[in-house]
Amino acid sequence: MRLDKFLKVSRVLKRRTVAAEACDKGKVCVNDKPAKPAKQLAVGDIVSVSFGTTTMRFVVKALTTTTKKEDADKMYEICT
């Protein structure tokens, strides 16, 4: 699954265009490397997204093309 689509479906970011813009600006990394929106994710990848002064790091747990709002957080696990 594409990185921008994953960020939208998992509801980490609100829209796919916002996810693509964040990737283009270098605010999203996969396995500690800057990633483009078309980067193919795999289960087990570590993604970090910068929001202003904070950074969210999580491990990809599932890749589903659609999900309900209640189940979106099951697609990833936040790292500490």
N, C-alpha and C. Protein backbone atom coordinates (compact mmCIF):
# COMPACT_ATOMS: atom_id res chain seq x y z
N MET A 1 0.84 -1.17 0.00
CA MET A 1 0.00 0.00 0.00
C MET A 1 0.89 1.24 0.00
N ARG A 2 0.47 2.26 -0.73
CA ARG A 2 1.20 3.52 -0.79
C ARG A 2 1.17 4.21 0.58
N LEU A 3 2.25 4.91 0.88
CA LEU A 3 2.38 5.60 2.15
C LEU A 3 1.29 6.64 2.35
N ASP A 4 1.02 7.46 1.32
CA ASP A 4 0.00 8.51 1.49
C ASP A 4 -1.38 7.92 1.73
N LYS A 5 -1.69 6.82 1.07
CA LYS A 5 -2.99 6.18 1.29
C LYS A 5 -3.07 5.58 2.69
N PHE A 6 -1.98 4.98 3.16
CA PHE A 6 -1.97 4.41 4.51
C PHE A 6 -2.22 5.49 5.56
N LEU A 7 -1.55 6.63 5.42
CA LEU A 7 -1.72 7.71 6.39
C LEU A 7 -3.16 8.22 6.42
N LYS A 8 -3.83 8.21 5.28
CA LYS A 8 -5.23 8.64 5.22
C LYS A 8 -6.16 7.58 5.78
N VAL A 9 -6.00 6.33 5.34
CA VAL A 9 -6.91 5.26 5.78
C VAL A 9 -6.78 5.01 7.29
N SER A 10 -5.55 5.10 7.81
CA SER A 10 -5.33 4.87 9.25
C SER A 10 -5.70 6.10 10.08
N ARG A 11 -6.06 7.18 9.40
CA ARG A 11 -6.48 8.43 10.02
C ARG A 11 -5.37 9.10 10.84
N VAL A 12 -4.12 8.86 10.45
CA VAL A 12 -3.01 9.60 11.04
C VAL A 12 -3.07 11.03 10.51
N LEU A 13 -3.35 11.18 9.22
CA LEU A 13 -3.57 12.48 8.60
C LEU A 13 -4.96 12.48 7.96
N LYS A 14 -5.55 13.65 7.88
CA LYS A 14 -6.96 13.76 7.49
C LYS A 14 -7.24 13.44 6.03
N ARG A 15 -6.38 13.91 5.13
CA ARG A 15 -6.61 13.71 3.70
C ARG A 15 -5.35 13.19 3.03
N ARG A 16 -5.54 12.52 1.91
CA ARG A 16 -4.41 11.96 1.16
C ARG A 16 -3.53 13.06 0.59
N THR A 17 -4.13 14.17 0.18
CA THR A 17 -3.33 15.27 -0.35
C THR A 17 -2.45 15.89 0.74
N VAL A 18 -2.97 15.95 1.96
CA VAL A 18 -2.19 16.46 3.09
C VAL A 18 -1.03 15.51 3.37
N ALA A 19 -1.29 14.21 3.29
CA ALA A 19 -0.24 13.21 3.49
C ALA A 19 0.84 13.34 2.42
N ALA A 20 0.44 13.54 1.17
CA ALA A 20 1.40 13.69 0.07
C ALA A 20 2.24 14.95 0.26
N GLU A 21 1.63 16.04 0.69
CA GLU A 21 2.36 17.28 0.93
C GLU A 21 3.36 17.11 2.06
N ALA A 22 2.97 16.41 3.12
CA ALA A 22 3.88 16.17 4.24
C ALA A 22 5.09 15.35 3.79
N CYS A 23 4.85 14.36 2.94
CA CYS A 23 5.95 13.56 2.40
C CYS A 23 6.87 14.40 1.54
N ASP A 24 6.30 15.23 0.70
CA ASP A 24 7.10 16.09 -0.19
C ASP A 24 7.95 17.09 0.59
N LYS A 25 7.48 17.51 1.75
CA LYS A 25 8.22 18.47 2.57
C LYS A 25 9.23 17.80 3.49
N GLY A 26 9.32 16.47 3.44
CA GLY A 26 10.30 15.75 4.25
C GLY A 26 9.88 15.52 5.68
N LYS A 27 8.58 15.60 5.96
CA LYS A 27 8.09 15.43 7.33
C LYS A 27 7.73 13.99 7.65
N VAL A 28 7.85 13.10 6.67
CA VAL A 28 7.51 11.69 6.88
C VAL A 28 8.72 10.83 6.53
N CYS A 29 9.09 9.93 7.44
CA CYS A 29 10.20 9.01 7.21
C CYS A 29 9.71 7.58 7.42
N VAL A 30 10.25 6.67 6.62
CA VAL A 30 9.98 5.24 6.77
C VAL A 30 11.31 4.57 7.04
N ASN A 31 11.39 3.88 8.15
CA ASN A 31 12.63 3.22 8.57
C ASN A 31 13.79 4.22 8.59
N ASP A 32 13.54 5.40 9.15
CA ASP A 32 14.52 6.48 9.33
C ASP A 32 15.07 7.06 8.03
N LYS A 33 14.34 6.92 6.92
CA LYS A 33 14.73 7.53 5.65
C LYS A 33 13.56 8.35 5.13
N PRO A 34 13.81 9.56 4.63
CA PRO A 34 12.71 10.36 4.07
C PRO A 34 11.99 9.58 2.98
N ALA A 35 10.66 9.67 2.98
CA ALA A 35 9.87 8.86 2.05
C ALA A 35 8.99 9.73 1.18
N LYS A 36 8.80 9.27 -0.04
CA LYS A 36 7.89 9.92 -0.98
C LYS A 36 6.50 9.32 -0.81
N PRO A 37 5.46 10.02 -1.30
CA PRO A 37 4.08 9.54 -1.14
C PRO A 37 3.85 8.15 -1.75
N ALA A 38 4.56 7.80 -2.79
CA ALA A 38 4.35 6.52 -3.47
C ALA A 38 5.12 5.37 -2.85
N LYS A 39 5.85 5.60 -1.77
CA LYS A 39 6.61 4.54 -1.10
C LYS A 39 5.67 3.41 -0.70
N GLN A 40 6.04 2.19 -1.07
CA GLN A 40 5.23 1.02 -0.72
C GLN A 40 5.57 0.57 0.70
N LEU A 41 4.55 0.52 1.55
CA LEU A 41 4.73 0.10 2.93
C LEU A 41 4.56 -1.40 3.06
N ALA A 42 5.20 -1.95 4.07
CA ALA A 42 5.04 -3.36 4.41
C ALA A 42 4.78 -3.44 5.91
N VAL A 43 4.15 -4.52 6.33
CA VAL A 43 3.90 -4.72 7.75
C VAL A 43 5.26 -4.80 8.45
N GLY A 44 5.41 -4.06 9.54
CA GLY A 44 6.66 -4.03 10.28
C GLY A 44 7.49 -2.79 10.03
N ASP A 45 7.15 -2.00 9.01
CA ASP A 45 7.87 -0.75 8.75
C ASP A 45 7.63 0.23 9.89
N ILE A 46 8.64 1.03 10.19
CA ILE A 46 8.52 2.07 11.22
C ILE A 46 8.39 3.40 10.51
N VAL A 47 7.30 4.10 10.79
CA VAL A 47 7.00 5.38 10.15
C VAL A 47 7.06 6.47 11.21
N SER A 48 7.65 7.60 10.87
CA SER A 48 7.64 8.76 11.76
C SER A 48 7.10 9.96 10.99
N VAL A 49 6.19 10.68 11.64
CA VAL A 49 5.55 11.85 11.04
C VAL A 49 5.77 13.03 11.98
N SER A 50 6.32 14.13 11.44
CA SER A 50 6.58 15.32 12.25
C SER A 50 5.38 16.27 12.18
N PHE A 51 4.90 16.67 13.36
CA PHE A 51 3.81 17.64 13.48
C PHE A 51 4.38 18.82 14.25
N GLY A 52 4.84 19.84 13.56
CA GLY A 52 5.39 21.01 14.25
C GLY A 52 6.61 20.62 15.07
N THR A 53 6.47 20.66 16.41
CA THR A 53 7.60 20.34 17.28
C THR A 53 7.57 18.90 17.79
N THR A 54 6.51 18.15 17.50
CA THR A 54 6.42 16.77 17.97
C THR A 54 6.54 15.80 16.80
N THR A 55 6.92 14.58 17.12
CA THR A 55 7.05 13.53 16.12
C THR A 55 6.32 12.30 16.61
N MET A 56 5.52 11.72 15.73
CA MET A 56 4.80 10.49 16.03
C MET A 56 5.50 9.34 15.32
N ARG A 57 5.92 8.32 16.08
CA ARG A 57 6.56 7.13 15.49
C ARG A 57 5.65 5.93 15.75
N PHE A 58 5.46 5.15 14.71
CA PHE A 58 4.62 3.96 14.86
C PHE A 58 5.08 2.85 13.94
N VAL A 59 4.67 1.63 14.30
CA VAL A 59 4.97 0.43 13.51
C VAL A 59 3.71 0.05 12.76
N VAL A 60 3.82 -0.24 11.49
CA VAL A 60 2.69 -0.66 10.67
C VAL A 60 2.31 -2.08 11.07
N LYS A 61 1.05 -2.28 11.47
CA LYS A 61 0.56 -3.60 11.88
C LYS A 61 -0.31 -4.27 10.83
N ALA A 62 -1.04 -3.48 10.04
CA ALA A 62 -1.94 -4.06 9.04
C ALA A 62 -2.07 -3.09 7.87
N LEU A 63 -2.27 -3.66 6.70
CA LEU A 63 -2.48 -2.86 5.49
C LEU A 63 -3.84 -3.22 4.90
N THR A 64 -4.84 -2.41 5.20
CA THR A 64 -6.17 -2.62 4.65
C THR A 64 -6.57 -1.39 3.86
N THR A 65 -7.25 -1.59 2.73
CA THR A 65 -7.58 -0.45 1.86
C THR A 65 -8.69 0.41 2.42
N THR A 66 -9.56 -0.15 3.23
CA THR A 66 -10.61 0.64 3.89
C THR A 66 -10.74 0.16 5.33
N THR A 67 -11.20 1.04 6.18
CA THR A 67 -11.40 0.67 7.58
C THR A 67 -12.43 1.59 8.22
N LYS A 68 -13.04 1.12 9.27
CA LYS A 68 -13.98 1.94 10.03
C LYS A 68 -13.18 2.83 10.98
N LYS A 69 -13.79 3.91 11.38
CA LYS A 69 -13.14 4.87 12.27
C LYS A 69 -12.68 4.19 13.57
N GLU A 70 -13.49 3.27 14.09
CA GLU A 70 -13.18 2.60 15.35
C GLU A 70 -11.99 1.65 15.21
N ASP A 71 -11.76 1.14 14.01
CA ASP A 71 -10.70 0.15 13.79
C ASP A 71 -9.43 0.74 13.21
N ALA A 72 -9.41 2.03 12.93
CA ALA A 72 -8.25 2.65 12.27
C ALA A 72 -6.98 2.53 13.12
N ASP A 73 -7.11 2.63 14.43
CA ASP A 73 -5.91 2.57 15.27
C ASP A 73 -5.32 1.16 15.38
N LYS A 74 -6.00 0.16 14.85
CA LYS A 74 -5.47 -1.20 14.85
C LYS A 74 -4.50 -1.43 13.70
N MET A 75 -4.39 -0.44 12.80
CA MET A 75 -3.48 -0.55 11.66
C MET A 75 -2.04 -0.23 12.04
N TYR A 76 -1.84 0.37 13.21
CA TYR A 76 -0.49 0.73 13.64
C TYR A 76 -0.38 0.67 15.15
N GLU A 77 0.86 0.62 15.64
CA GLU A 77 1.14 0.63 17.07
C GLU A 77 2.17 1.71 17.34
N ILE A 78 1.85 2.61 18.23
CA ILE A 78 2.74 3.74 18.52
C ILE A 78 3.96 3.27 19.30
N CYS A 79 5.13 3.74 18.87
CA CYS A 79 6.40 3.41 19.53
C CYS A 79 6.67 4.47 20.61
N THR A 80 7.37 4.06 21.64
CA THR A 80 7.73 5.03 22.69
C THR A 80 9.18 5.42 22.58
